């Protein structure tokens, strides 16, 4: 009986550890879209508090290097946001915005930004 109880305690402890070590869930709460060339866009996500998050915006010309697209740490409520300027020559269209967050695993989400001609 003691071995059974010890096995159950160990199984519960291991299960709790795997839940705590799960990859963070990443969910967009808002994305400025559509946005005009030369205007600011903002992306907001919800994830695990303290997670380290990166954002990648990829236009026809390639990955954006706009100011503001830096690594950030999620707040105590799990909120993270970025604001950047869409270039005045950015090709109109729908472009992927990918956010990846890491904390005992990595989770990500992608949404599309619609850029309109000014």
PDB file of N, CA and C in Angstrom:
ATOM      1  N   UNK A   1       0.819  -1.188   0.000  1.00  0.00           N
ATOM      2  CA  UNK A   1       0.000   0.000   0.000  1.00  0.00           C
ATOM      3  C   UNK A   1       0.874   1.267   0.000  1.00  0.00           C
ATOM      4  N   UNK A   2       1.958   1.262   0.775  1.00  0.00           N
ATOM      5  CA  UNK A   2       2.840   2.419   0.831  1.00  0.00           C
ATOM      6  C   UNK A   2       3.452   2.702  -0.541  1.00  0.00           C
ATOM      7  N   UNK A   3       3.821   1.634  -1.263  1.00  0.00           N
ATOM      8  CA  UNK A   3       4.398   1.819  -2.592  1.00  0.00           C
ATOM      9  C   UNK A   3       3.376   2.444  -3.541  1.00  0.00           C
ATOM     10  N   UNK A   4       2.119   2.045  -3.418  1.00  0.00           N
ATOM     11  CA  UNK A   4       1.068   2.597  -4.257  1.00  0.00           C
ATOM     12  C   UNK A   4       0.885   4.093  -3.963  1.00  0.00           C
ATOM     13  N   UNK A   5       0.824   4.456  -2.695  1.00  0.00           N
ATOM     14  CA  UNK A   5       0.666   5.854  -2.307  1.00  0.00           C
ATOM     15  C   UNK A   5       1.871   6.671  -2.775  1.00  0.00           C
ATOM     16  N   UNK A   6       3.074   6.146  -2.595  1.00  0.00           N
ATOM     17  CA  UNK A   6       4.282   6.849  -3.025  1.00  0.00           C
ATOM     18  C   UNK A   6       4.274   7.039  -4.544  1.00  0.00           C
ATOM     19  N   UNK A   7       3.826   6.024  -5.271  1.00  0.00           N
ATOM     20  CA  UNK A   7       3.753   6.126  -6.730  1.00  0.00           C
ATOM     21  C   UNK A   7       2.745   7.181  -7.159  1.00  0.00           C
ATOM     22  N   UNK A   8       1.604   7.238  -6.480  1.00  0.00           N
ATOM     23  CA  UNK A   8       0.583   8.238  -6.805  1.00  0.00           C
ATOM     24  C   UNK A   8       1.083   9.653  -6.510  1.00  0.00           C
ATOM     25  N   UNK A   9       1.764   9.840  -5.390  1.00  0.00           N
ATOM     26  CA  UNK A   9       2.312  11.146  -5.036  1.00  0.00           C
ATOM     27  C   UNK A   9       3.334  11.577  -6.081  1.00  0.00           C
ATOM     28  N   UNK A  10       4.197  10.672  -6.494  1.00  0.00           N
ATOM     29  CA  UNK A  10       5.201  10.973  -7.506  1.00  0.00           C
ATOM     30  C   UNK A  10       4.529  11.323  -8.833  1.00  0.00           C
ATOM     31  N   UNK A  11       3.513  10.576  -9.226  1.00  0.00           N
ATOM     32  CA  UNK A  11       2.817  10.837 -10.492  1.00  0.00           C
ATOM     33  C   UNK A  11       2.155  12.210 -10.473  1.00  0.00           C
ATOM     34  N   UNK A  12       1.539  12.564  -9.359  1.00  0.00           N
ATOM     35  CA  UNK A  12       0.901  13.874  -9.242  1.00  0.00           C
ATOM     36  C   UNK A  12       1.955  14.976  -9.297  1.00  0.00           C
ATOM     37  N   UNK A  13       3.065  14.791  -8.611  1.00  0.00           N
ATOM     38  CA  UNK A  13       4.136  15.791  -8.608  1.00  0.00           C
ATOM     39  C   UNK A  13       4.711  15.969 -10.008  1.00  0.00           C
ATOM     40  N   UNK A  14       4.928  14.883 -10.727  1.00  0.00           N
ATOM     41  CA  UNK A  14       5.454  14.972 -12.086  1.00  0.00           C
ATOM     42  C   UNK A  14       4.453  15.636 -13.016  1.00  0.00           C
ATOM     43  N   UNK A  15       3.188  15.347 -12.837  1.00  0.00           N
ATOM     44  CA  UNK A  15       2.142  15.974 -13.643  1.00  0.00           C
ATOM     45  C   UNK A  15       2.102  17.465 -13.406  1.00  0.00           C
ATOM     46  N   UNK A  16       2.226  17.896 -12.168  1.00  0.00           N
ATOM     47  CA  UNK A  16       2.222  19.323 -11.847  1.00  0.00           C
ATOM     48  C   UNK A  16       3.442  20.005 -12.450  1.00  0.00           C
ATOM     49  N   UNK A  17       4.572  19.330 -12.422  1.00  0.00           N
ATOM     50  CA  UNK A  17       5.788  19.903 -12.993  1.00  0.00           C
ATOM     51  C   UNK A  17       5.634  20.081 -14.495  1.00  0.00           C
ATOM     52  N   UNK A  18       5.011  19.120 -15.181  1.00  0.00           N
ATOM     53  CA  UNK A  18       4.871  19.239 -16.627  1.00  0.00           C
ATOM     54  C   UNK A  18       3.896  20.347 -16.998  1.00  0.00           C
ATOM     55  N   UNK A  19       2.880  20.591 -16.164  1.00  0.00           N
ATOM     56  CA  UNK A  19       1.969  21.690 -16.424  1.00  0.00           C
ATOM     57  C   UNK A  19       2.708  23.016 -16.236  1.00  0.00           C
ATOM     58  N   UNK A  20       3.508  23.120 -15.187  1.00  0.00           N
ATOM     59  CA  UNK A  20       4.255  24.355 -14.924  1.00  0.00           C
ATOM     60  C   UNK A  20       5.283  24.615 -16.015  1.00  0.00           C
ATOM     61  N   UNK A  21       5.813  23.556 -16.642  1.00  0.00           N
ATOM     62  CA  UNK A  21       6.838  23.698 -17.662  1.00  0.00           C
ATOM     63  C   UNK A  21       6.260  23.813 -19.069  1.00  0.00           C
ATOM     64  N   UNK A  22       4.938  23.881 -19.182  1.00  0.00           N
ATOM     65  CA  UNK A  22       4.308  23.937 -20.494  1.00  0.00           C
ATOM     66  C   UNK A  22       4.690  25.226 -21.217  1.00  0.00           C
ATOM     67  N   UNK A  23       4.724  25.145 -22.538  1.00  0.00           N
ATOM     68  CA  UNK A  23       5.025  26.321 -23.355  1.00  0.00           C
ATOM     69  C   UNK A  23       3.956  27.377 -23.126  1.00  0.00           C
ATOM     70  N   UNK A  24       4.339  28.652 -23.138  1.00  0.00           N
ATOM     71  CA  UNK A  24       3.344  29.705 -22.934  1.00  0.00           C
ATOM     72  C   UNK A  24       2.364  29.793 -24.101  1.00  0.00           C
ATOM     73  N   UNK A  25       1.129  30.063 -23.778  1.00  0.00           N
ATOM     74  CA  UNK A  25       0.116  30.304 -24.798  1.00  0.00           C
ATOM     75  C   UNK A  25       0.264  31.757 -25.216  1.00  0.00           C
ATOM     76  N   UNK A  26       0.225  32.014 -26.506  1.00  0.00           N
ATOM     77  CA  UNK A  26       0.342  33.373 -27.024  1.00  0.00           C
ATOM     78  C   UNK A  26      -0.924  33.668 -27.826  1.00  0.00           C
ATOM     79  N   UNK A  27      -1.581  34.794 -27.492  1.00  0.00           N
ATOM     80  CA  UNK A  27      -2.827  35.160 -28.156  1.00  0.00           C
ATOM     81  C   UNK A  27      -2.816  36.656 -28.452  1.00  0.00           C
ATOM     82  N   UNK A  28      -3.079  37.022 -29.703  1.00  0.00           N
ATOM     83  CA  UNK A  28      -3.201  38.435 -30.050  1.00  0.00           C
ATOM     84  C   UNK A  28      -4.463  38.994 -29.409  1.00  0.00           C
ATOM     85  N   UNK A  29      -4.336  40.118 -28.726  1.00  0.00           N
ATOM     86  CA  UNK A  29      -5.505  40.800 -28.189  1.00  0.00           C
ATOM     87  C   UNK A  29      -5.897  41.963 -29.091  1.00  0.00           C
ATOM     88  N   UNK A  30      -4.924  42.481 -29.861  1.00  0.00           N
ATOM     89  CA  UNK A  30      -5.246  43.492 -30.874  1.00  0.00           C
ATOM     90  C   UNK A  30      -4.078  43.655 -31.843  1.00  0.00           C
ATOM     91  N   UNK A  31      -4.405  44.108 -33.035  1.00  0.00           N
ATOM     92  CA  UNK A  31      -3.416  44.445 -34.060  1.00  0.00           C
ATOM     93  C   UNK A  31      -4.019  45.559 -34.903  1.00  0.00           C
ATOM     94  N   UNK A  32      -3.291  46.674 -35.035  1.00  0.00           N
ATOM     95  CA  UNK A  32      -3.753  47.777 -35.873  1.00  0.00           C
ATOM     96  C   UNK A  32      -3.785  47.283 -37.306  1.00  0.00           C
ATOM     97  N   UNK A  33      -4.959  47.114 -37.858  1.00  0.00           N
ATOM     98  CA  UNK A  33      -5.078  46.632 -39.230  1.00  0.00           C
ATOM     99  C   UNK A  33      -6.502  46.904 -39.704  1.00  0.00           C
ATOM    100  N   UNK A  34      -6.668  47.559 -40.848  1.00  0.00           N
ATOM    101  CA  UNK A  34      -5.594  47.947 -41.767  1.00  0.00           C
ATOM    102  C   UNK A  34      -4.825  49.160 -41.251  1.00  0.00           C
ATOM    103  N   UNK A  35      -3.661  49.367 -41.856  1.00  0.00           N
ATOM    104  CA  UNK A  35      -2.809  50.509 -41.517  1.00  0.00           C
ATOM    105  C   UNK A  35      -2.286  51.097 -42.831  1.00  0.00           C
ATOM    106  N   UNK A  36      -2.187  52.411 -42.886  1.00  0.00           N
ATOM    107  CA  UNK A  36      -1.676  53.077 -44.091  1.00  0.00           C
ATOM    108  C   UNK A  36      -0.155  53.154 -44.070  1.00  0.00           C
ATOM    109  N   UNK A  37       0.436  53.137 -45.258  1.00  0.00           N
ATOM    110  CA  UNK A  37       1.874  53.346 -45.398  1.00  0.00           C
ATOM    111  C   UNK A  37       2.248  54.624 -44.641  1.00  0.00           C
ATOM    112  N   UNK A  38       3.366  54.591 -43.902  1.00  0.00           N
ATOM    113  CA  UNK A  38       3.836  55.752 -43.177  1.00  0.00           C
ATOM    114  C   UNK A  38       3.175  55.970 -41.821  1.00  0.00           C
ATOM    115  N   UNK A  39       2.258  55.087 -41.431  1.00  0.00           N
ATOM    116  CA  UNK A  39       1.559  55.212 -40.144  1.00  0.00           C
ATOM    117  C   UNK A  39       2.098  54.211 -39.129  1.00  0.00           C
ATOM    118  N   UNK A  40       1.742  54.421 -37.864  1.00  0.00           N
ATOM    119  CA  UNK A  40       2.142  53.495 -36.808  1.00  0.00           C
ATOM    120  C   UNK A  40       1.176  52.317 -36.715  1.00  0.00           C
ATOM    121  N   UNK A  41       1.736  51.168 -36.396  1.00  0.00           N
ATOM    122  CA  UNK A  41       0.949  49.968 -36.124  1.00  0.00           C
ATOM    123  C   UNK A  41       1.285  49.515 -34.709  1.00  0.00           C
ATOM    124  N   UNK A  42       0.322  48.893 -34.039  1.00  0.00           N
ATOM    125  CA  UNK A  42       0.531  48.359 -32.690  1.00  0.00           C
ATOM    126  C   UNK A  42       0.007  46.933 -32.626  1.00  0.00           C
ATOM    127  N   UNK A  43       0.805  46.060 -32.037  1.00  0.00           N
ATOM    128  CA  UNK A  43       0.389  44.675 -31.778  1.00  0.00           C
ATOM    129  C   UNK A  43       0.393  44.465 -30.275  1.00  0.00           C
ATOM    130  N   UNK A  44      -0.657  43.825 -29.771  1.00  0.00           N
ATOM    131  CA  UNK A  44      -0.748  43.486 -28.347  1.00  0.00           C
ATOM    132  C   UNK A  44      -1.052  42.002 -28.235  1.00  0.00           C
ATOM    133  N   UNK A  45      -0.342  41.342 -27.303  1.00  0.00           N
ATOM    134  CA  UNK A  45      -0.595  39.923 -27.066  1.00  0.00           C
ATOM    135  C   UNK A  45      -0.757  39.667 -25.569  1.00  0.00           C
ATOM    136  N   UNK A  46      -1.349  38.534 -25.291  1.00  0.00           N
ATOM    137  CA  UNK A  46      -1.478  38.032 -23.926  1.00  0.00           C
ATOM    138  C   UNK A  46      -0.734  36.707 -23.868  1.00  0.00           C
ATOM    139  N   UNK A  47       0.057  36.516 -22.822  1.00  0.00           N
ATOM    140  CA  UNK A  47       0.844  35.297 -22.679  1.00  0.00           C
ATOM    141  C   UNK A  47       1.117  35.054 -21.198  1.00  0.00           C
ATOM    142  N   UNK A  48       2.056  34.186 -20.909  1.00  0.00           N
ATOM    143  CA  UNK A  48       2.451  33.868 -19.539  1.00  0.00           C
ATOM    144  C   UNK A  48       3.261  35.013 -18.938  1.00  0.00           C
ATOM    145  N   UNK A  49       2.941  35.391 -17.703  1.00  0.00           N
ATOM    146  CA  UNK A  49       3.686  36.483 -17.071  1.00  0.00           C
ATOM    147  C   UNK A  49       5.171  36.138 -17.030  1.00  0.00           C
ATOM    148  N   UNK A  50       5.991  37.142 -17.297  1.00  0.00           N
ATOM    149  CA  UNK A  50       7.434  36.959 -17.262  1.00  0.00           C
ATOM    150  C   UNK A  50       8.040  36.304 -18.490  1.00  0.00           C
ATOM    151  N   UNK A  51       7.219  35.924 -19.467  1.00  0.00           N
ATOM    152  CA  UNK A  51       7.748  35.298 -20.682  1.00  0.00           C
ATOM    153  C   UNK A  51       8.547  36.328 -21.488  1.00  0.00           C
ATOM    154  N   UNK A  52       9.580  35.868 -22.154  1.00  0.00           N
ATOM    155  CA  UNK A  52      10.397  36.715 -23.023  1.00  0.00           C
ATOM    156  C   UNK A  52       9.837  36.589 -24.443  1.00  0.00           C
ATOM    157  N   UNK A  53       9.449  37.711 -25.049  1.00  0.00           N
ATOM    158  CA  UNK A  53       8.744  37.679 -26.334  1.00  0.00           C
ATOM    159  C   UNK A  53       9.451  38.480 -27.415  1.00  0.00           C
ATOM    160  N   UNK A  54       9.398  37.958 -28.622  1.00  0.00           N
ATOM    161  CA  UNK A  54       9.931  38.646 -29.792  1.00  0.00           C
ATOM    162  C   UNK A  54       8.814  38.789 -30.818  1.00  0.00           C
ATOM    163  N   UNK A  55       8.955  39.788 -31.666  1.00  0.00           N
ATOM    164  CA  UNK A  55       7.986  40.018 -32.737  1.00  0.00           C
ATOM    165  C   UNK A  55       8.743  40.106 -34.049  1.00  0.00           C
ATOM    166  N   UNK A  56       8.188  39.501 -35.076  1.00  0.00           N
ATOM    167  CA  UNK A  56       8.768  39.547 -36.414  1.00  0.00           C
ATOM    168  C   UNK A  56       7.681  39.987 -37.383  1.00  0.00           C
ATOM    169  N   UNK A  57       7.948  41.059 -38.113  1.00  0.00           N
ATOM    170  CA  UNK A  57       7.029  41.542 -39.147  1.00  0.00           C
ATOM    171  C   UNK A  57       7.757  41.372 -40.475  1.00  0.00           C
ATOM    172  N   UNK A  58       7.142  40.635 -41.389  1.00  0.00           N
ATOM    173  CA  UNK A  58       7.796  40.347 -42.659  1.00  0.00           C
ATOM    174  C   UNK A  58       6.982  40.925 -43.809  1.00  0.00           C
ATOM    175  N   UNK A  59       7.577  41.885 -44.510  1.00  0.00           N
ATOM    176  CA  UNK A  59       6.952  42.502 -45.674  1.00  0.00           C
ATOM    177  C   UNK A  59       7.514  41.858 -46.937  1.00  0.00           C
ATOM    178  N   UNK A  60       7.041  42.294 -48.106  1.00  0.00           N
ATOM    179  CA  UNK A  60       7.540  41.762 -49.378  1.00  0.00           C
ATOM    180  C   UNK A  60       9.054  41.930 -49.466  1.00  0.00           C
ATOM    181  N   UNK A  61       9.549  43.049 -48.934  1.00  0.00           N
ATOM    182  CA  UNK A  61      10.984  43.348 -49.001  1.00  0.00           C
ATOM    183  C   UNK A  61      11.810  42.564 -47.981  1.00  0.00           C
ATOM    184  N   UNK A  62      11.144  41.861 -47.062  1.00  0.00           N
ATOM    185  CA  UNK A  62      11.847  41.077 -46.045  1.00  0.00           C
ATOM    186  C   UNK A  62      11.444  41.470 -44.641  1.00  0.00           C
ATOM    187  N   UNK A  63      12.220  40.987 -43.684  1.00  0.00           N
ATOM    188  CA  UNK A  63      11.940  41.227 -42.267  1.00  0.00           C
ATOM    189  C   UNK A  63      12.144  42.707 -41.915  1.00  0.00           C
ATOM    190  N   UNK A  64      11.178  43.269 -41.204  1.00  0.00           N
ATOM    191  CA  UNK A  64      11.268  44.671 -40.807  1.00  0.00           C
ATOM    192  C   UNK A  64      12.308  44.861 -39.705  1.00  0.00           C
ATOM    193  N   UNK A  65      13.037  45.969 -39.807  1.00  0.00           N
ATOM    194  CA  UNK A  65      13.991  46.335 -38.754  1.00  0.00           C
ATOM    195  C   UNK A  65      13.552  47.638 -38.092  1.00  0.00           C
ATOM    196  N   UNK A  66      12.251  47.924 -38.148  1.00  0.00           N
ATOM    197  CA  UNK A  66      11.715  49.166 -37.583  1.00  0.00           C
ATOM    198  C   UNK A  66      12.001  49.260 -36.088  1.00  0.00           C
ATOM    199  N   UNK A  67      12.237  50.497 -35.611  1.00  0.00           N
ATOM    200  CA  UNK A  67      12.404  50.723 -34.177  1.00  0.00           C
ATOM    201  C   UNK A  67      11.130  50.282 -33.476  1.00  0.00           C
ATOM    202  N   UNK A  68      11.303  49.698 -32.317  1.00  0.00           N
ATOM    203  CA  UNK A  68      10.151  49.254 -31.540  1.00  0.00           C
ATOM    204  C   UNK A  68       9.906  47.761 -31.624  1.00  0.00           C
ATOM    205  N   UNK A  69      10.522  47.100 -32.600  1.00  0.00           N
ATOM    206  CA  UNK A  69      10.319  45.650 -32.750  1.00  0.00           C
ATOM    207  C   UNK A  69      11.421  44.905 -32.001  1.00  0.00           C
ATOM    208  N   UNK A  70      11.471  45.119 -30.693  1.00  0.00           N
ATOM    209  CA  UNK A  70      12.521  44.553 -29.847  1.00  0.00           C
ATOM    210  C   UNK A  70      11.956  43.476 -28.923  1.00  0.00           C
ATOM    211  N   UNK A  71      12.852  42.688 -28.352  1.00  0.00           N
ATOM    212  CA  UNK A  71      12.472  41.667 -27.372  1.00  0.00           C
ATOM    213  C   UNK A  71      11.881  42.367 -26.148  1.00  0.00           C
ATOM    214  N   UNK A  72      10.782  41.811 -25.624  1.00  0.00           N
ATOM    215  CA  UNK A  72      10.146  42.381 -24.436  1.00  0.00           C
ATOM    216  C   UNK A  72       9.754  41.267 -23.472  1.00  0.00           C
ATOM    217  N   UNK A  73       9.572  41.637 -22.204  1.00  0.00           N
ATOM    218  CA  UNK A  73       9.144  40.692 -21.174  1.00  0.00           C
ATOM    219  C   UNK A  73       7.699  40.976 -20.811  1.00  0.00           C
ATOM    220  N   UNK A  74       6.896  39.918 -20.762  1.00  0.00           N
ATOM    221  CA  UNK A  74       5.477  40.063 -20.429  1.00  0.00           C
ATOM    222  C   UNK A  74       5.307  40.590 -19.008  1.00  0.00           C
ATOM    223  N   UNK A  75       4.330  41.459 -18.828  1.00  0.00           N
ATOM    224  CA  UNK A  75       4.037  42.062 -17.519  1.00  0.00           C
ATOM    225  C   UNK A  75       3.483  41.002 -16.561  1.00  0.00           C
ATOM    226  N   UNK A  76       3.217  41.418 -15.339  1.00  0.00           N
ATOM    227  CA  UNK A  76       2.669  40.500 -14.337  1.00  0.00           C
ATOM    228  C   UNK A  76       1.288  39.995 -14.731  1.00  0.00           C
ATOM    229  N   UNK A  77       0.621  40.693 -15.644  1.00  0.00           N
ATOM    230  CA  UNK A  77      -0.682  40.219 -16.138  1.00  0.00           C
ATOM    231  C   UNK A  77      -0.532  39.454 -17.456  1.00  0.00           C
ATOM    232  N   UNK A  78       0.703  39.360 -17.966  1.00  0.00           N
ATOM    233  CA  UNK A  78       0.959  38.625 -19.204  1.00  0.00           C
ATOM    234  C   UNK A  78       0.825  39.468 -20.461  1.00  0.00           C
ATOM    235  N   UNK A  79       0.712  40.783 -20.311  1.00  0.00           N
ATOM    236  CA  UNK A  79       0.541  41.659 -21.473  1.00  0.00           C
ATOM    237  C   UNK A  79       1.884  42.086 -22.061  1.00  0.00           C
ATOM    238  N   UNK A  80       1.924  42.154 -23.396  1.00  0.00           N
ATOM    239  CA  UNK A  80       3.092  42.663 -24.113  1.00  0.00           C
ATOM    240  C   UNK A  80       2.564  43.459 -25.303  1.00  0.00           C
ATOM    241  N   UNK A  81       3.218  44.594 -25.617  1.00  0.00           N
ATOM    242  CA  UNK A  81       2.804  45.349 -26.798  1.00  0.00           C
ATOM    243  C   UNK A  81       4.012  45.962 -27.492  1.00  0.00           C
ATOM    244  N   UNK A  82       3.850  46.168 -28.788  1.00  0.00           N
ATOM    245  CA  UNK A  82       4.874  46.788 -29.626  1.00  0.00           C
ATOM    246  C   UNK A  82       4.203  47.824 -30.522  1.00  0.00           C
ATOM    247  N   UNK A  83       4.872  48.933 -30.754  1.00  0.00           N
ATOM    248  CA  UNK A  83       4.414  49.929 -31.728  1.00  0.00           C
ATOM    249  C   UNK A  83       5.589  50.239 -32.645  1.00  0.00           C
ATOM    250  N   UNK A  84       5.326  50.279 -33.945  1.00  0.00           N
ATOM    251  CA  UNK A  84       6.361  50.567 -34.925  1.00  0.00           C
ATOM    252  C   UNK A  84       5.751  51.346 -36.085  1.00  0.00           C
ATOM    253  N   UNK A  85       6.621  51.989 -36.846  1.00  0.00           N
ATOM    254  CA  UNK A  85       6.163  52.736 -38.012  1.00  0.00           C
ATOM    255  C   UNK A  85       6.276  51.864 -39.251  1.00  0.00           C
ATOM    256  N   UNK A  86       5.183  51.782 -39.991  1.00  0.00           N
ATOM    257  CA  UNK A  86       5.166  51.079 -41.272  1.00  0.00           C
ATOM    258  C   UNK A  86       5.772  52.044 -42.287  1.00  0.00           C
ATOM    259  N   UNK A  87       6.748  51.596 -43.023  1.00  0.00           N
ATOM    260  CA  UNK A  87       7.449  52.468 -43.971  1.00  0.00           C
ATOM    261  C   UNK A  87       6.531  53.066 -45.018  1.00  0.00           C
ATOM    262  N   UNK A  88       6.866  54.274 -45.462  1.00  0.00           N
ATOM    263  CA  UNK A  88       6.036  54.958 -46.464  1.00  0.00           C
ATOM    264  C   UNK A  88       6.115  54.275 -47.828  1.00  0.00           C
ATOM    265  N   UNK A  89       7.133  53.425 -48.035  1.00  0.00           N
ATOM    266  CA  UNK A  89       7.254  52.681 -49.294  1.00  0.00           C
ATOM    267  C   UNK A  89       6.927  51.201 -49.148  1.00  0.00           C
ATOM    268  N   UNK A  90       6.377  50.807 -48.000  1.00  0.00           N
ATOM    269  CA  UNK A  90       6.015  49.402 -47.793  1.00  0.00           C
ATOM    270  C   UNK A  90       4.962  48.992 -48.823  1.00  0.00           C
ATOM    271  N   UNK A  91       5.177  47.859 -49.454  1.00  0.00           N
ATOM    272  CA  UNK A  91       4.244  47.355 -50.455  1.00  0.00           C
ATOM    273  C   UNK A  91       2.892  47.050 -49.813  1.00  0.00           C
ATOM    274  N   UNK A  92       1.804  47.601 -50.365  1.00  0.00           N
ATOM    275  CA  UNK A  92       0.481  47.270 -49.843  1.00  0.00           C
ATOM    276  C   UNK A  92       0.226  45.764 -49.946  1.00  0.00           C
ATOM    277  N   UNK A  93      -0.523  45.243 -48.993  1.00  0.00           N
ATOM    278  CA  UNK A  93      -0.845  43.821 -48.979  1.00  0.00           C
ATOM    279  C   UNK A  93      -1.017  43.327 -47.560  1.00  0.00           C
ATOM    280  N   UNK A  94      -1.137  42.013 -47.425  1.00  0.00           N
ATOM    281  CA  UNK A  94      -1.293  41.368 -46.122  1.00  0.00           C
ATOM    282  C   UNK A  94       0.028  40.717 -45.740  1.00  0.00           C
ATOM    283  N   UNK A  95       0.583  41.124 -44.585  1.00  0.00           N
ATOM    284  CA  UNK A  95       1.920  40.697 -44.179  1.00  0.00           C
ATOM    285  C   UNK A  95       1.873  40.072 -42.784  1.00  0.00           C
ATOM    286  N   UNK A  96       2.612  38.953 -42.602  1.00  0.00           N
ATOM    287  CA  UNK A  96       2.572  38.251 -41.314  1.00  0.00           C
ATOM    288  C   UNK A  96       3.287  38.988 -40.184  1.00  0.00           C
ATOM    289  N   UNK A  97       2.645  38.959 -39.032  1.00  0.00           N
ATOM    290  CA  UNK A  97       3.206  39.478 -37.784  1.00  0.00           C
ATOM    291  C   UNK A  97       3.244  38.285 -36.844  1.00  0.00           C
ATOM    292  N   UNK A  98       4.444  37.832 -36.502  1.00  0.00           N
ATOM    293  CA  UNK A  98       4.593  36.646 -35.654  1.00  0.00           C
ATOM    294  C   UNK A  98       5.197  37.034 -34.317  1.00  0.00           C
ATOM    295  N   UNK A  99       4.544  36.605 -33.227  1.00  0.00           N
ATOM    296  CA  UNK A  99       5.053  36.822 -31.880  1.00  0.00           C
ATOM    297  C   UNK A  99       5.389  35.459 -31.291  1.00  0.00           C
ATOM    298  N   UNK A 100       6.599  35.324 -30.768  1.00  0.00           N
ATOM    299  CA  UNK A 100       7.042  34.109 -30.102  1.00  0.00           C
ATOM    300  C   UNK A 100       7.436  34.455 -28.671  1.00  0.00           C
ATOM    301  N   UNK A 101       6.958  33.647 -27.714  1.00  0.00           N
ATOM    302  CA  UNK A 101       7.264  33.884 -26.309  1.00  0.00           C
ATOM    303  C   UNK A 101       7.850  32.619 -25.702  1.00  0.00           C
ATOM    304  N   UNK A 102       8.866  32.804 -24.849  1.00  0.00           N
ATOM    305  CA  UNK A 102       9.574  31.690 -24.242  1.00  0.00           C
ATOM    306  C   UNK A 102       9.556  31.807 -22.731  1.00  0.00           C
ATOM    307  N   UNK A 103       9.216  30.700 -22.090  1.00  0.00           N
ATOM    308  CA  UNK A 103       9.316  30.538 -20.644  1.00  0.00           C
ATOM    309  C   UNK A 103       9.033  29.067 -20.389  1.00  0.00           C
ATOM    310  N   UNK A 104      10.069  28.293 -20.190  1.00  0.00           N
ATOM    311  CA  UNK A 104       9.929  26.834 -20.049  1.00  0.00           C
ATOM    312  C   UNK A 104       9.243  26.243 -21.273  1.00  0.00           C
ATOM    313  N   UNK A 105       9.657  26.671 -22.428  1.00  0.00           N
ATOM    314  CA  UNK A 105       9.059  26.243 -23.691  1.00  0.00           C
ATOM    315  C   UNK A 105       8.753  27.476 -24.512  1.00  0.00           C
ATOM    316  N   UNK A 106       8.398  27.273 -25.764  1.00  0.00           N
ATOM    317  CA  UNK A 106       8.107  28.395 -26.655  1.00  0.00           C
ATOM    318  C   UNK A 106       6.739  28.240 -27.283  1.00  0.00           C
ATOM    319  N   UNK A 107       5.977  29.331 -27.270  1.00  0.00           N
ATOM    320  CA  UNK A 107       4.683  29.378 -27.943  1.00  0.00           C
ATOM    321  C   UNK A 107       4.691  30.545 -28.903  1.00  0.00           C
ATOM    322  N   UNK A 108       3.838  30.490 -29.927  1.00  0.00           N
ATOM    323  CA  UNK A 108       3.802  31.589 -30.883  1.00  0.00           C
ATOM    324  C   UNK A 108       2.405  31.755 -31.462  1.00  0.00           C
ATOM    325  N   UNK A 109       2.193  32.910 -32.060  1.00  0.00           N
ATOM    326  CA  UNK A 109       0.939  33.202 -32.760  1.00  0.00           C
ATOM    327  C   UNK A 109       1.274  34.133 -33.919  1.00  0.00           C
ATOM    328  N   UNK A 110       0.505  34.012 -34.986  1.00  0.00           N
ATOM    329  CA  UNK A 110       0.696  34.840 -36.166  1.00  0.00           C
ATOM    330  C   UNK A 110      -0.639  35.453 -36.581  1.00  0.00           C
ATOM    331  N   UNK A 111      -0.585  36.723 -36.929  1.00  0.00           N
ATOM    332  CA  UNK A 111      -1.735  37.436 -37.474  1.00  0.00           C
ATOM    333  C   UNK A 111      -1.243  38.226 -38.673  1.00  0.00           C
ATOM    334  N   UNK A 112      -2.166  38.634 -39.539  1.00  0.00           N
ATOM    335  CA  UNK A 112      -1.764  39.356 -40.741  1.00  0.00           C
ATOM    336  C   UNK A 112      -2.133  40.825 -40.654  1.00  0.00           C
ATOM    337  N   UNK A 113      -1.164  41.663 -41.023  1.00  0.00           N
ATOM    338  CA  UNK A 113      -1.294  43.115 -41.041  1.00  0.00           C
ATOM    339  C   UNK A 113      -1.609  43.527 -42.459  1.00  0.00           C
ATOM    340  N   UNK A 114      -2.716  44.226 -42.651  1.00  0.00           N
ATOM    341  CA  UNK A 114      -3.067  44.729 -43.970  1.00  0.00           C
ATOM    342  C   UNK A 114      -2.541  46.154 -44.109  1.00  0.00           C
ATOM    343  N   UNK A 115      -1.626  46.340 -45.067  1.00  0.00           N
ATOM    344  CA  UNK A 115      -1.053  47.655 -45.345  1.00  0.00           C
ATOM    345  C   UNK A 115      -1.761  48.225 -46.573  1.00  0.00           C
ATOM    346  N   UNK A 116      -2.246  49.476 -46.412  1.00  0.00           N
ATOM    347  CA  UNK A 116      -2.944  50.154 -47.494  1.00  0.00           C
ATOM    348  C   UNK A 116      -2.096  51.293 -48.042  1.00  0.00           C
ATOM    349  N   UNK A 117      -2.272  51.569 -49.337  1.00  0.00           N
ATOM    350  CA  UNK A 117      -1.566  52.682 -49.987  1.00  0.00           C
ATOM    351  C   UNK A 117      -2.112  53.999 -49.429  1.00  0.00           C
ATOM    352  N   UNK A 118      -1.217  54.905 -49.136  1.00  0.00           N
ATOM    353  CA  UNK A 118      -1.633  56.211 -48.603  1.00  0.00           C
ATOM    354  C   UNK A 118      -2.151  57.073 -49.731  1.00  0.00           C
TER     355      UNK A 118
END
